[in-house]
């Protein structure tokens, strides 16, 4: 597939760990096959949900290499390669390209809070350094600063910046971008609960946490909405809205990894500073999974 034409459900893949705190390659391959068997449109490892900040360079290479090798070009692989250090983001982006990624997901620099011109120059430098398509990622709730629509529109003029993962939680901002963007530029929801609304407003799909647990349902939701069947899309949306919300009952990816462990897909292992879910929230999550017939 031409990545620039990608629409639908893209899973923000978790990174499974072993009891020895190593990458669980067997579980990672199993997760990839689970996604492909359930018709996920693309796979995005090494993002927020993949605990990328805790991966060292060799582990990053191991995860990306394992995913690319397992996928075997059956679906696109869009690798998280962001950093608040532009030089490091370029290094990761080049490595992802070398390892066979179809595209990269590049988050807005966090903590150091660049100006809008700083955002533009950061992403332009990355785009100048690689040849594969780039998806911008705006998540001000985590990064501490917002990539404004006017900046995104400037960046959309750069040839290999083709899409935006929008997780501002601001529907007015999403609509502003959708109204003004060029036709070729894709916009994906970065929040599962906003996927239906974003697609209804003209968006192209979702980069989904819930797709780790319910890949087929998230594919059906996005496909239904994209073809204008909003009755079906709303049914799926409201059926799984409790799960979408439960995935953020504590910091992502704590709940989704707990759920995947309950489903028998991974071991429940996290890296500090993330810690296991509280017993109260574990019980709430178990009840939601049982209601959804996932366990």
Protein backbone atom coordinates (compact mmCIF):
# COMPACT_ATOMS: atom_id res chain seq x y z
CA UNK A 1 0.00 0.00 0.00
CA UNK A 2 1.02 3.59 -0.66
CA UNK A 3 1.30 4.92 2.88
CA UNK A 4 0.01 8.29 1.75
CA UNK A 5 -3.34 6.66 0.99
CA UNK A 6 -3.63 4.99 4.40
CA UNK A 7 -7.03 5.29 6.07
CA UNK A 8 -8.52 3.20 8.89
CA UNK A 9 -7.26 1.74 12.16
CA UNK A 10 -3.57 1.90 13.08
CA UNK A 11 -2.60 0.12 16.28
CA UNK A 12 -0.30 1.91 18.73
CA UNK A 13 1.45 -1.31 19.70
CA UNK A 14 2.55 -2.10 23.26
CA UNK A 15 6.05 -3.41 23.95
CA UNK A 16 5.93 -6.69 25.92
CA UNK A 17 8.65 -7.39 28.47
CA UNK A 18 9.83 -10.57 30.16
CA UNK A 19 10.19 -11.16 33.88
CA UNK A 20 13.88 -10.35 33.39
CA UNK A 21 12.90 -6.91 32.01
CA UNK A 22 14.01 -7.77 28.47
CA UNK A 23 12.07 -7.38 25.23
CA UNK A 24 9.72 -10.37 24.91
CA UNK A 25 10.28 -11.09 21.23
CA UNK A 26 7.99 -14.13 21.23
CA UNK A 27 5.09 -12.12 22.65
CA UNK A 28 5.87 -9.22 20.31
CA UNK A 29 5.61 -11.49 17.28
CA UNK A 30 2.39 -12.93 18.66
CA UNK A 31 0.93 -9.44 19.03
CA UNK A 32 1.85 -8.56 15.45
CA UNK A 33 0.22 -11.72 14.10
CA UNK A 34 -2.87 -11.04 16.24
CA UNK A 35 -3.14 -7.60 14.66
CA UNK A 36 -2.73 -8.82 11.09
CA UNK A 37 -5.17 -11.70 11.57
CA UNK A 38 -7.74 -9.17 12.79
CA UNK A 39 -7.32 -6.79 9.83
CA UNK A 40 -5.52 -3.85 11.43
CA UNK A 41 -4.60 -1.40 8.66
CA UNK A 42 -1.12 -0.53 10.00
CA UNK A 43 1.11 -1.12 13.02
CA UNK A 44 2.91 1.61 14.96
CA UNK A 45 5.52 0.36 17.47
CA UNK A 46 7.79 2.42 19.72
CA UNK A 47 5.35 5.18 20.55
CA UNK A 48 3.91 6.29 23.88
CA UNK A 49 1.95 3.05 24.21
CA UNK A 50 5.14 1.15 23.39
CA UNK A 51 7.01 2.74 26.34
CA UNK A 52 9.55 4.13 23.90
CA UNK A 53 11.19 6.48 26.43
CA UNK A 54 12.46 3.45 28.38
CA UNK A 55 13.98 1.63 25.38
CA UNK A 56 17.71 1.92 24.89
CA UNK A 57 19.16 2.08 21.38
CA UNK A 58 19.68 -1.66 21.00
CA UNK A 59 16.20 -2.43 22.33
CA UNK A 60 14.67 0.11 19.98
CA UNK A 61 16.43 -1.62 17.10
CA UNK A 62 15.28 -5.00 18.40
CA UNK A 63 11.61 -3.96 18.59
CA UNK A 64 11.57 -2.25 15.19
CA UNK A 65 13.47 -5.08 13.53
CA UNK A 66 11.22 -7.73 15.05
CA UNK A 67 8.03 -5.95 13.98
CA UNK A 68 9.25 -5.27 10.44
CA UNK A 69 10.53 -8.83 10.08
CA UNK A 70 7.27 -10.33 11.37
CA UNK A 71 4.98 -8.08 9.32
CA UNK A 72 6.71 -9.02 6.04
CA UNK A 73 5.15 -6.07 4.20
CA UNK A 74 1.60 -7.33 4.84
CA UNK A 75 0.63 -3.97 6.38
CA UNK A 76 2.54 -0.69 6.75
CA UNK A 77 4.78 -0.21 9.79
CA UNK A 78 4.91 3.35 11.12
CA UNK A 79 7.64 3.56 13.74
CA UNK A 80 7.70 6.05 16.60
CA UNK A 81 10.92 8.03 16.22
CA UNK A 82 10.35 11.21 18.17
CA UNK A 83 12.46 13.06 20.72
CA UNK A 84 12.75 16.49 22.29
CA UNK A 85 16.32 16.51 20.98
CA UNK A 86 16.18 17.14 17.22
CA UNK A 87 19.51 15.38 16.64
CA UNK A 88 18.25 12.27 18.46
CA UNK A 89 14.95 12.35 16.55
CA UNK A 90 16.92 12.43 13.30
CA UNK A 91 19.10 9.53 14.48
CA UNK A 92 16.05 7.41 15.38
CA UNK A 93 14.28 8.32 12.14
CA UNK A 94 17.27 7.29 10.06
CA UNK A 95 17.54 4.03 12.01
CA UNK A 96 13.84 3.26 11.50
CA UNK A 97 14.23 3.92 7.77
CA UNK A 98 17.31 1.67 7.62
CA UNK A 99 15.44 -1.13 9.44
CA UNK A 100 12.66 -1.12 6.85
CA UNK A 101 9.94 1.06 8.38
CA UNK A 102 7.37 2.30 5.88
CA UNK A 103 7.03 5.59 7.75
CA UNK A 104 7.76 7.30 11.04
CA UNK A 105 5.62 8.89 13.74
CA UNK A 106 7.28 11.99 15.15
CA UNK A 107 5.95 13.51 18.37
CA UNK A 108 6.17 17.20 19.18
CA UNK A 109 9.20 17.91 21.37
CA UNK A 110 8.27 17.53 25.02
CA UNK A 111 9.46 19.32 28.17
CA UNK A 112 11.54 22.02 26.42
CA UNK A 113 8.36 23.63 24.96
CA UNK A 114 9.50 25.04 21.61
CA UNK A 115 7.86 28.00 19.89
CA UNK A 116 5.80 27.39 16.75
CA UNK A 117 8.88 28.25 14.69
CA UNK A 118 10.81 25.74 16.78
CA UNK A 119 8.25 23.05 15.94
CA UNK A 120 8.52 23.90 12.25
CA UNK A 121 12.32 23.80 12.17
CA UNK A 122 12.41 20.58 14.23
CA UNK A 123 10.12 18.65 11.89
CA UNK A 124 11.67 20.19 8.77
CA UNK A 125 15.10 19.00 9.88
CA UNK A 126 13.76 15.45 10.33
CA UNK A 127 12.02 15.55 6.94
CA UNK A 128 15.24 16.70 5.30
CA UNK A 129 17.12 13.77 6.86
CA UNK A 130 14.92 10.85 5.73
CA UNK A 131 13.01 9.78 2.64
CA UNK A 132 10.10 7.82 4.13
CA UNK A 133 6.78 9.53 4.95
CA UNK A 134 6.37 11.30 8.29
CA UNK A 135 3.28 11.51 10.50
CA UNK A 136 3.34 14.39 12.96
CA UNK A 137 2.03 13.67 16.47
CA UNK A 138 0.40 16.39 18.55
CA UNK A 139 -0.31 15.38 22.15
CA UNK A 140 -0.04 18.51 24.33
CA UNK A 141 -1.33 16.67 27.40
CA UNK A 142 1.97 14.77 27.43
CA UNK A 143 4.38 17.17 25.74
CA UNK A 144 3.31 20.38 27.46
CA UNK A 145 2.91 22.36 24.23
CA UNK A 146 0.51 22.43 21.28
CA UNK A 147 1.37 22.31 17.58
CA UNK A 148 -0.97 24.96 16.21
CA UNK A 149 -2.93 24.52 13.00
CA UNK A 150 -1.01 27.26 11.20
CA UNK A 151 2.22 25.37 11.91
CA UNK A 152 0.77 22.06 10.72
CA UNK A 153 -0.34 23.72 7.48
CA UNK A 154 3.19 25.01 6.91
CA UNK A 155 4.61 21.55 7.57
CA UNK A 156 2.04 19.94 5.25
CA UNK A 157 3.77 21.70 2.36
CA UNK A 158 6.92 19.62 2.95
CA UNK A 159 6.86 16.70 0.51
CA UNK A 160 7.37 13.79 2.90
CA UNK A 161 5.24 15.10 5.80
CA UNK A 162 1.94 13.48 4.88
CA UNK A 163 -0.18 13.11 8.03
CA UNK A 164 -1.01 14.19 11.57
CA UNK A 165 -1.91 12.12 14.62
CA UNK A 166 -4.09 14.62 16.46
CA UNK A 167 -4.48 14.06 20.20
CA UNK A 168 -5.11 17.58 21.45
CA UNK A 169 -8.54 16.51 22.81
CA UNK A 170 -9.84 19.71 21.19
CA UNK A 171 -12.52 18.99 18.59
CA UNK A 172 -12.57 22.65 17.47
CA UNK A 173 -8.82 22.46 16.75
CA UNK A 174 -9.31 19.20 14.85
CA UNK A 175 -12.08 20.74 12.75
CA UNK A 176 -9.96 23.81 12.06
CA UNK A 177 -7.22 21.57 10.67
CA UNK A 178 -9.64 19.42 8.67
CA UNK A 179 -11.24 22.50 7.13
CA UNK A 180 -7.95 24.08 6.07
CA UNK A 181 -5.65 21.17 5.24
CA UNK A 182 -4.62 20.27 1.68
CA UNK A 183 -6.44 17.30 0.13
CA UNK A 184 -3.40 15.01 0.24
CA UNK A 185 -2.79 15.48 3.98
CA UNK A 186 -4.14 12.75 6.29
CA UNK A 187 -5.46 13.38 9.80
CA UNK A 188 -5.84 10.53 12.30
CA UNK A 189 -7.35 10.70 15.76
CA UNK A 190 -4.86 10.03 18.53
CA UNK A 191 -7.69 9.27 20.96
CA UNK A 192 -10.00 6.27 20.50
CA UNK A 193 -12.96 8.13 21.98
CA UNK A 194 -12.58 10.89 19.36
CA UNK A 195 -12.17 8.56 16.36
CA UNK A 196 -15.83 8.56 15.32
CA UNK A 197 -16.17 12.32 15.65
CA UNK A 198 -12.93 13.04 13.79
CA UNK A 199 -13.82 10.77 10.87
CA UNK A 200 -17.32 12.26 10.73
CA UNK A 201 -15.69 15.68 10.39
CA UNK A 202 -13.49 14.50 7.51
CA UNK A 203 -10.62 12.66 9.19
CA UNK A 204 -8.95 9.50 7.93
CA UNK A 205 -8.89 7.09 10.87
CA UNK A 206 -7.35 6.48 14.25
CA UNK A 207 -4.02 5.55 15.84
CA UNK A 208 -5.54 3.33 18.46
CA UNK A 209 -4.66 2.04 21.92
CA UNK A 210 -7.85 -0.05 22.08
CA UNK A 211 -6.84 -1.79 18.86
CA UNK A 212 -4.35 -3.74 20.97
CA UNK A 213 -7.36 -5.44 22.59
CA UNK A 214 -10.08 -5.13 19.92
CA UNK A 215 -8.34 -4.73 16.53
CA UNK A 216 -11.24 -6.07 14.50
CA UNK A 217 -13.76 -3.79 16.23
CA UNK A 218 -11.61 -0.68 15.75
CA UNK A 219 -11.16 -1.62 12.09
CA UNK A 220 -14.94 -2.03 11.73
CA UNK A 221 -15.62 1.27 13.51
CA UNK A 222 -13.27 3.27 11.32
CA UNK A 223 -14.29 1.53 8.09
CA UNK A 224 -17.99 2.05 8.82
CA UNK A 225 -17.47 5.72 9.55
CA UNK A 226 -15.26 6.22 6.50
CA UNK A 227 -17.95 4.86 4.21
CA UNK A 228 -20.63 6.97 5.90
CA UNK A 229 -22.37 4.16 7.79
CA UNK A 230 -22.63 6.08 11.04
CA UNK A 231 -25.34 3.86 12.50
CA UNK A 232 -22.93 0.91 12.56
CA UNK A 233 -20.01 3.10 13.62
CA UNK A 234 -21.98 4.53 16.55
CA UNK A 235 -23.03 1.06 17.70
CA UNK A 236 -19.40 -0.07 17.83
CA UNK A 237 -18.27 3.20 19.39
CA UNK A 238 -20.73 3.05 22.27
CA UNK A 239 -20.26 -0.68 22.79
CA UNK A 240 -16.55 -0.20 23.41
CA UNK A 241 -16.50 3.33 24.83
CA UNK A 242 -16.17 1.98 28.42
CA UNK A 243 -13.05 0.08 27.32
CA UNK A 244 -11.64 3.12 25.49
CA UNK A 245 -12.07 5.18 28.65
CA UNK A 246 -10.76 2.41 30.92
CA UNK A 247 -7.51 2.33 28.95
CA UNK A 248 -6.81 5.73 30.49
CA UNK A 249 -8.05 5.05 34.01
CA UNK A 250 -4.34 5.21 34.85
CA UNK A 251 -1.49 6.39 32.66
CA UNK A 252 -1.30 4.68 29.27
CA UNK A 253 -0.10 1.95 28.71
CA UNK A 254 -0.67 0.61 32.24
CA UNK A 255 -4.33 -0.41 31.74
CA UNK A 256 -3.95 -1.78 28.22
CA UNK A 257 -0.98 -3.94 29.22
CA UNK A 258 -2.91 -5.20 32.25
CA UNK A 259 -5.83 -6.06 29.95
CA UNK A 260 -3.61 -7.84 27.43
CA UNK A 261 -2.16 -9.91 30.28
CA UNK A 262 -5.69 -10.84 31.39
CA UNK A 263 -6.37 -11.84 27.78
CA UNK A 264 -3.32 -14.12 27.82
CA UNK A 265 -1.38 -12.21 25.16
CA UNK A 266 1.54 -10.83 27.21
CA UNK A 267 3.07 -10.90 30.67
CA UNK A 268 2.06 -7.96 32.82
CA UNK A 269 5.42 -6.22 32.96
CA UNK A 270 6.17 -2.50 33.00
CA UNK A 271 9.25 -0.37 33.20
CA UNK A 272 9.67 2.30 35.83
CA UNK A 273 8.44 4.92 36.25
CA UNK A 274 5.28 3.01 35.22
CA UNK A 275 3.95 0.66 37.89
CA UNK A 276 1.20 -2.02 38.01
CA UNK A 277 -2.39 -0.86 38.07
CA UNK A 278 -4.08 -0.40 41.45
CA UNK A 279 -6.23 -3.25 42.68
CA UNK A 280 -9.35 -1.08 42.57
CA UNK A 281 -8.78 -0.16 38.93
CA UNK A 282 -7.73 -3.71 38.08
CA UNK A 283 -11.14 -4.91 39.20
CA UNK A 284 -12.91 -2.18 37.22
CA UNK A 285 -10.91 -3.13 34.14
CA UNK A 286 -11.65 -6.83 34.62
CA UNK A 287 -15.39 -6.12 34.79
CA UNK A 288 -15.25 -4.08 31.57
CA UNK A 289 -13.29 -6.83 29.80
CA UNK A 290 -15.77 -9.44 30.98
CA UNK A 291 -18.70 -7.32 29.80
CA UNK A 292 -17.03 -6.98 26.41
CA UNK A 293 -16.43 -10.76 26.38
CA UNK A 294 -12.68 -10.33 25.99
CA UNK A 295 -11.90 -12.59 28.97
